Amino acid sequence: MAEAGAGWGLIPQAQAARQLAEGTLVELLPDFTVTCRCTGIIGAMAGNCCDQLTRHLLHQARRALIPPQGVSATGQSNKGVS
């Protein structure tokens, strides 16, 4: 809907990259970011399949998502590191 001009939204940068490059979407607040923790709950009986899926999701998230300012891709604080 945002691309059609019917509103605005908080669209992840990776999802909107093409439209931003083409100019069909524009950043209203270029320096504004939203930080959220990606969490999930896996039952104790989930087993090996869910362990593998969790490891895969974590790997892909660390590769593709932009870590919050002051936090490395591994989730460790990098404040005071030069």
N, C-alpha and C. Protein backbone atom coordinates (compact mmCIF):
# COMPACT_ATOMS: atom_id res chain seq x y z
N MET A 1 0.82 -1.19 0.00
CA MET A 1 0.00 0.00 0.00
C MET A 1 0.86 1.26 0.00
N ALA A 2 1.99 1.19 0.71
CA ALA A 2 2.86 2.37 0.73
C ALA A 2 3.36 2.69 -0.67
N GLU A 3 3.72 1.65 -1.42
CA GLU A 3 4.23 1.87 -2.77
C GLU A 3 3.15 2.45 -3.69
N ALA A 4 1.90 2.12 -3.42
CA ALA A 4 0.79 2.66 -4.21
C ALA A 4 0.42 4.08 -3.80
N GLY A 5 1.09 4.58 -2.75
CA GLY A 5 0.82 5.94 -2.30
C GLY A 5 -0.33 6.03 -1.33
N ALA A 6 -0.76 4.88 -0.81
CA ALA A 6 -1.93 4.87 0.08
C ALA A 6 -1.55 4.94 1.55
N GLY A 7 -0.30 5.22 1.87
CA GLY A 7 0.07 5.31 3.28
C GLY A 7 1.57 5.26 3.46
N TRP A 8 1.96 5.07 4.70
CA TRP A 8 3.37 4.97 5.05
C TRP A 8 3.52 3.77 5.97
N GLY A 9 4.74 3.34 6.18
CA GLY A 9 4.94 2.20 7.05
C GLY A 9 6.39 2.04 7.44
N LEU A 10 6.60 1.16 8.39
CA LEU A 10 7.95 0.78 8.80
C LEU A 10 8.30 -0.50 8.05
N ILE A 11 8.97 -0.35 6.93
CA ILE A 11 9.29 -1.47 6.06
C ILE A 11 10.77 -1.79 6.24
N PRO A 12 11.11 -3.04 6.52
CA PRO A 12 12.53 -3.39 6.67
C PRO A 12 13.33 -2.97 5.45
N GLN A 13 14.54 -2.46 5.71
CA GLN A 13 15.38 -1.95 4.64
C GLN A 13 15.62 -2.99 3.55
N ALA A 14 15.88 -4.23 3.95
CA ALA A 14 16.13 -5.28 2.97
C ALA A 14 14.90 -5.53 2.09
N GLN A 15 13.73 -5.36 2.64
CA GLN A 15 12.49 -5.59 1.90
C GLN A 15 12.20 -4.44 0.94
N ALA A 16 12.62 -3.24 1.28
CA ALA A 16 12.29 -2.06 0.48
C ALA A 16 13.45 -1.57 -0.39
N ALA A 17 14.58 -2.28 -0.39
CA ALA A 17 15.78 -1.79 -1.09
C ALA A 17 15.53 -1.50 -2.57
N ARG A 18 14.87 -2.41 -3.26
CA ARG A 18 14.62 -2.21 -4.70
C ARG A 18 13.76 -0.97 -4.93
N GLN A 19 12.67 -0.85 -4.17
CA GLN A 19 11.77 0.29 -4.36
C GLN A 19 12.45 1.61 -3.99
N LEU A 20 13.30 1.60 -2.98
CA LEU A 20 14.04 2.81 -2.62
C LEU A 20 14.99 3.19 -3.74
N ALA A 21 15.68 2.19 -4.32
CA ALA A 21 16.61 2.46 -5.42
C ALA A 21 15.87 2.98 -6.65
N GLU A 22 14.67 2.45 -6.91
CA GLU A 22 13.88 2.88 -8.07
C GLU A 22 13.17 4.21 -7.83
N GLY A 23 13.04 4.62 -6.57
CA GLY A 23 12.35 5.86 -6.25
C GLY A 23 10.86 5.70 -6.09
N THR A 24 10.34 4.47 -6.12
CA THR A 24 8.90 4.28 -5.91
C THR A 24 8.55 4.37 -4.44
N LEU A 25 9.56 4.25 -3.57
CA LEU A 25 9.41 4.55 -2.14
C LEU A 25 10.48 5.55 -1.76
N VAL A 26 10.19 6.41 -0.82
CA VAL A 26 11.17 7.36 -0.30
C VAL A 26 11.19 7.27 1.22
N GLU A 27 12.37 7.50 1.78
CA GLU A 27 12.49 7.51 3.24
C GLU A 27 12.00 8.86 3.76
N LEU A 28 11.02 8.82 4.64
CA LEU A 28 10.51 10.06 5.23
C LEU A 28 11.42 10.56 6.33
N LEU A 29 12.00 9.64 7.09
CA LEU A 29 12.92 9.97 8.18
C LEU A 29 14.17 9.11 8.01
N PRO A 30 15.12 9.52 7.16
CA PRO A 30 16.25 8.68 6.81
C PRO A 30 17.11 8.23 7.99
N ASP A 31 17.19 9.01 9.05
CA ASP A 31 18.03 8.63 10.19
C ASP A 31 17.27 7.87 11.27
N PHE A 32 16.01 7.59 11.05
CA PHE A 32 15.17 6.91 12.05
C PHE A 32 15.30 5.40 11.88
N THR A 33 15.56 4.71 12.97
CA THR A 33 15.60 3.24 12.95
C THR A 33 14.78 2.69 14.11
N VAL A 34 14.30 1.50 13.93
CA VAL A 34 13.57 0.79 14.97
C VAL A 34 14.38 -0.45 15.31
N THR A 35 14.67 -0.63 16.57
CA THR A 35 15.43 -1.79 17.01
C THR A 35 14.51 -2.73 17.76
N CYS A 36 14.53 -3.99 17.39
CA CYS A 36 13.74 -4.98 18.12
C CYS A 36 14.53 -6.27 18.21
N ARG A 37 14.33 -6.98 19.29
CA ARG A 37 14.98 -8.27 19.46
C ARG A 37 14.15 -9.33 18.77
N CYS A 38 14.80 -10.17 18.02
CA CYS A 38 14.13 -11.30 17.39
C CYS A 38 14.19 -12.47 18.36
N THR A 39 13.05 -12.90 18.82
CA THR A 39 13.02 -13.99 19.78
C THR A 39 12.02 -15.03 19.34
N GLY A 40 12.13 -16.18 19.90
CA GLY A 40 11.19 -17.25 19.61
C GLY A 40 11.13 -18.22 20.77
N ILE A 41 10.09 -18.98 20.83
CA ILE A 41 9.91 -19.96 21.89
C ILE A 41 9.80 -21.33 21.24
N ILE A 42 10.65 -22.23 21.68
CA ILE A 42 10.63 -23.59 21.16
C ILE A 42 10.37 -24.52 22.33
N GLY A 43 9.40 -25.39 22.16
CA GLY A 43 9.05 -26.33 23.22
C GLY A 43 10.19 -27.27 23.56
N ALA A 44 10.21 -27.75 24.79
CA ALA A 44 11.27 -28.64 25.26
C ALA A 44 11.31 -29.95 24.47
N MET A 45 10.21 -30.36 23.88
CA MET A 45 10.14 -31.62 23.16
C MET A 45 10.42 -31.46 21.66
N ALA A 46 10.88 -30.29 21.24
CA ALA A 46 11.02 -30.00 19.81
C ALA A 46 12.02 -30.91 19.12
N GLY A 47 13.13 -31.22 19.76
CA GLY A 47 14.09 -32.15 19.19
C GLY A 47 15.06 -31.55 18.21
N ASN A 48 15.80 -32.42 17.53
CA ASN A 48 16.90 -32.06 16.65
C ASN A 48 16.47 -31.19 15.48
N CYS A 49 15.31 -31.44 14.91
CA CYS A 49 14.85 -30.67 13.75
C CYS A 49 14.76 -29.19 14.10
N CYS A 50 14.16 -28.87 15.22
CA CYS A 50 14.03 -27.46 15.62
C CYS A 50 15.38 -26.87 15.99
N ASP A 51 16.28 -27.68 16.54
CA ASP A 51 17.63 -27.19 16.84
C ASP A 51 18.33 -26.76 15.55
N GLN A 52 18.22 -27.59 14.51
CA GLN A 52 18.83 -27.27 13.22
C GLN A 52 18.19 -26.03 12.61
N LEU A 53 16.88 -25.95 12.68
CA LEU A 53 16.17 -24.80 12.14
C LEU A 53 16.57 -23.53 12.87
N THR A 54 16.66 -23.60 14.20
CA THR A 54 17.05 -22.44 15.00
C THR A 54 18.45 -21.98 14.62
N ARG A 55 19.40 -22.91 14.49
CA ARG A 55 20.76 -22.55 14.10
C ARG A 55 20.78 -21.89 12.71
N HIS A 56 20.00 -22.43 11.79
CA HIS A 56 19.94 -21.87 10.44
C HIS A 56 19.35 -20.45 10.46
N LEU A 57 18.26 -20.26 11.19
CA LEU A 57 17.63 -18.94 11.27
C LEU A 57 18.57 -17.92 11.90
N LEU A 58 19.27 -18.31 12.96
CA LEU A 58 20.23 -17.41 13.60
C LEU A 58 21.35 -17.03 12.64
N HIS A 59 21.86 -18.01 11.91
CA HIS A 59 22.93 -17.74 10.95
C HIS A 59 22.46 -16.75 9.88
N GLN A 60 21.28 -16.99 9.32
CA GLN A 60 20.77 -16.11 8.27
C GLN A 60 20.44 -14.72 8.80
N ALA A 61 19.90 -14.65 10.00
CA ALA A 61 19.58 -13.34 10.60
C ALA A 61 20.86 -12.54 10.84
N ARG A 62 21.90 -13.19 11.34
CA ARG A 62 23.17 -12.48 11.58
C ARG A 62 23.78 -12.01 10.26
N ARG A 63 23.54 -12.75 9.18
CA ARG A 63 24.08 -12.39 7.88
C ARG A 63 23.29 -11.26 7.24
N ALA A 64 21.97 -11.27 7.39
CA ALA A 64 21.12 -10.38 6.61
C ALA A 64 20.63 -9.14 7.35
N LEU A 65 20.47 -9.22 8.66
CA LEU A 65 19.89 -8.10 9.38
C LEU A 65 20.96 -7.13 9.86
N ILE A 66 20.59 -5.90 10.02
CA ILE A 66 21.50 -4.87 10.49
C ILE A 66 21.44 -4.84 12.01
N PRO A 67 22.57 -5.09 12.70
CA PRO A 67 22.53 -5.07 14.17
C PRO A 67 22.31 -3.66 14.70
N PRO A 68 21.70 -3.54 15.88
CA PRO A 68 21.50 -2.22 16.48
C PRO A 68 22.84 -1.53 16.71
N GLN A 69 22.82 -0.21 16.73
CA GLN A 69 24.04 0.55 16.99
C GLN A 69 24.62 0.14 18.34
N GLY A 70 25.90 -0.14 18.38
CA GLY A 70 26.56 -0.54 19.62
C GLY A 70 26.53 -2.03 19.88
N VAL A 71 25.98 -2.83 18.96
CA VAL A 71 25.92 -4.27 19.12
C VAL A 71 26.47 -4.93 17.86
N SER A 72 27.32 -5.94 18.04
CA SER A 72 27.89 -6.64 16.89
C SER A 72 26.85 -7.62 16.34
N ALA A 73 27.16 -8.23 15.21
CA ALA A 73 26.25 -9.20 14.59
C ALA A 73 26.08 -10.43 15.46
N THR A 74 27.00 -10.66 16.39
CA THR A 74 26.87 -11.83 17.28
C THR A 74 26.07 -11.50 18.52
N GLY A 75 25.64 -10.24 18.65
CA GLY A 75 24.83 -9.85 19.79
C GLY A 75 25.63 -9.30 20.96
N GLN A 76 26.94 -9.20 20.77
CA GLN A 76 27.81 -8.70 21.84
C GLN A 76 27.94 -7.18 21.74
N SER A 77 27.97 -6.52 22.87
CA SER A 77 28.17 -5.07 22.88
C SER A 77 29.55 -4.75 22.37
N ASN A 78 29.65 -3.74 21.51
CA ASN A 78 30.96 -3.32 21.05
C ASN A 78 31.26 -1.90 21.51
N LYS A 79 30.59 -1.47 22.56
CA LYS A 79 30.85 -0.16 23.13
C LYS A 79 32.22 -0.16 23.76
N GLY A 80 32.98 0.88 23.50
CA GLY A 80 34.32 0.99 24.05
C GLY A 80 35.37 0.25 23.23
N VAL A 81 34.95 -0.37 22.14
CA VAL A 81 35.89 -1.07 21.28
C VAL A 81 36.25 -0.15 20.13
N SER A 82 37.54 -0.02 19.87
CA SER A 82 37.94 0.86 18.77
C SER A 82 38.68 0.10 17.72
